[in-house]
Amino acid sequence: MGGGRYRYKRLQSSSAFRLFSLSEPKDTSFESPINFSIQLFDASIDECPEFDAVSYAWDGQEPTETITCNGKRLMVTRNVFDILLQARVHRPKGTFWVDSICINQSSTLEKNHQVPLMGSIYKRANVVWVYLGHGTCLSEATFKLLWDIARMKWNRATESSTHWEMARQECVQEFCAVLRQLFGAEENINEITRVLGWNWFHRLWPVQELVLAKHPILLCGSDRMPWGEFKDALEILQEVESMQSLTVSRFAKDLYDTSECYRHLRGMTLETNFVMGVAPPQYLRYVLKAVRTKCASDRRDKIYGVYGILREIGFQTSRVDYEADLVSVYTTFTRTIITSENTVDVLEEVCLPPSMTGLPSWVPDWSNIRSVNPIVTIGPGASKWLNSIIHELTETVLTVSGIIMDTIRAVARPFPSEPYFDEAILAGISLVKGFQGWAVVARQISGQYQTGETIEEAFFRTMTHNWIDRSGRKYPFAPLPHWRGPGHWMDIITANLPDSGIDINQLRADLIRTYQIKGSALITMGMMMNVGENIVDWPDEIVILVTLQSRGLLTPRNEDAITRNKAHKTLFVTDRDYLGLGPSWMQAGDRVALLSGGKVPFVVREERYCKYRLIGPAYIHGMMSGECWPVEKEKIQKISLI
């Protein structure tokens, strides 16, 4: 190996970046770092040789491996060294771009210059190799199985004009047989998706690296698989879970959501390039929502890490500056969005409490990666105005036209934001008690609801808003239960509380009679919650839960909508007898604001006259389609968020 440590030379132009080629090994010691060398050279993004790029997760590794770079020693991390070994196998005479090698990581000035080019780099690469890890025997076997699933679908579809839909169904049936042969049951599909729990799927930078790639290929150990085939295999897994009514693991859901997210983002960039030139504002919001739960080692990269996609869809970004403090980066980015869109829709992203001090309340903390279910709106939304009237936008203050509509009268205790119970019985009891806490607050409203519905109907629709049907289509809320209506549904929830319309002992007796008719099906529900076969001994809350489920009042899709809606949110009622879901950290006495151009109501807290702190967006039943936006312009006032 050559003497001395490799030192980067300054790039000479704004379009300059580095590439490297692999040198032939001097002996047969294939994995010897001493004999592993590269040739690093400068190129121009405007005119460069053909090259491949690599997408991978850094995993917090420190440089521990030594390679030779232009005759000098260069330290790289273990995963980068493994990547180079795989590159030697798949592209022995290729030219490559790997960020930790081609960018001087110790130079803030160079990172400020190179990060804006990364979108173009991944877009120009012939192939983007997605390195998932060196793999284990189990992960490589699983990877090969997914490859076989994708080929199975393709082979079925090409046989004698077989329709794609029929091919997928046949593939699902064949895959179920494969699962039974390998694992003994289809339920082990969750074990497959758990094996695929690579960090790459949870990191932020890979989003734009995959979205902008012309031809992405996944690498797991020595196995490779094009992204399109991997996506097809995931669709088959989802189909199996749906057909077999299997419980989807948390990681499996994350994996499917990530795949769907990438599919939409890739479609957006293509549509912008070939149809529109500049993307509509909703594309920008989709990008921000898509990466909200992704992790980044440097929290500024929550913004800088999607610059490539944003520029691809025509959004004008501010300059990259790794010397700027985090508050400044997030505030500048949010101001740019508001100015570009001329709406305050980005304020909907203030749906989680900030994890840093000094951030204006109207600036989202993009580094908070917890997941929150978005609020669905119809038409122009709560304010009927498409654009916002913005009077002031500084580093600390956003002043916009709007109206203070109402005051929060009561706030229910929130559900646990994350499931933490090991036993199903405790989880079931907690779920019912959460329902009951919300129902008690909702019943503070007496008489008919503002929309002409009953309180029970308004309560049910509030809890199940943003409902998703079997095909994945979203609706403002779930269909009302058919079995004696939502009023009966609410009575069952509160059956063991005072003043309930139904007695808990009557429910227990009904379950016993149902068991005598239907037999083991009902007991199976109870056994799944570890409460035994004797219904007489079941806790009241389990009796309530099983009653709801057995009567079809709490369907899996309704429960899914409620579960998503309760994360970081809670139910509240207002002085004007409106019912809604808002941030779990809101308080009685907070105000409801409608902002010009805003699609949803917002909860704010008054600091001083006409100066408010933004608490977050809210779903308020009966306010979501402009019903409360004033016709008289003189009622509209200036609202300053600080």
Foldseek 3Di string as FASTA:
>chain_A
DAEDADDDDDDDDLQKWKKKWWDDFPDDPLLDQARTEIEMDMDGLVDGDAAEEEAEDPVPFDFDGWHHYPRHTDTDGPQVSLVVSLCCVVPVGGMYDYPPPTFDPVDLVRCLSCLLCVLSVLLRHPEYEYEQEQADPVLVVLVVLLLVLLVQLVVQCPPPNRPSVVSLVVSLVVVQVVCCVVPVGLLCLQVSLVSSPGLSLQAQLVLSSLLSHPWYWYDHNNDIGTPVSSLSSLVSSVVNCVVVVHDHDPSNVSVNLSSVLSVVLSVLLVCCVPPNVAGALVNVVSSLLSRLQHADPDQLCNPSSCSSSCVSRPQDDDGDGPVDDPLQSQLVRQLSSCVVNQFLQVQQLLADDAPDPPHFLSGHSSNPNDDADGADFDDLWLANFQGWAWDDRDSHKTKTKWFFFFFFADWFQFQPLDDDDPALLVVLLSVLVRLVSQLVQLVVFDDAAPVRHRSLVQSQQQLAAQFADPVRDTDRGDDFDPPVTSLVLSLLSCQPPPPGPHHLVVLLVVLVVVCVVVPCPLQVLVVSRVQDRDSVRRPSSSSSVSSCVVSVNCDPRSVVSNSNNRNQWTWTATPVGWIKIGGSPDDGGWTWMDGRSYQFIWTWHDPDVLETRTNHTMHIPPSTHNNRHDPDPVNMDMHMGD
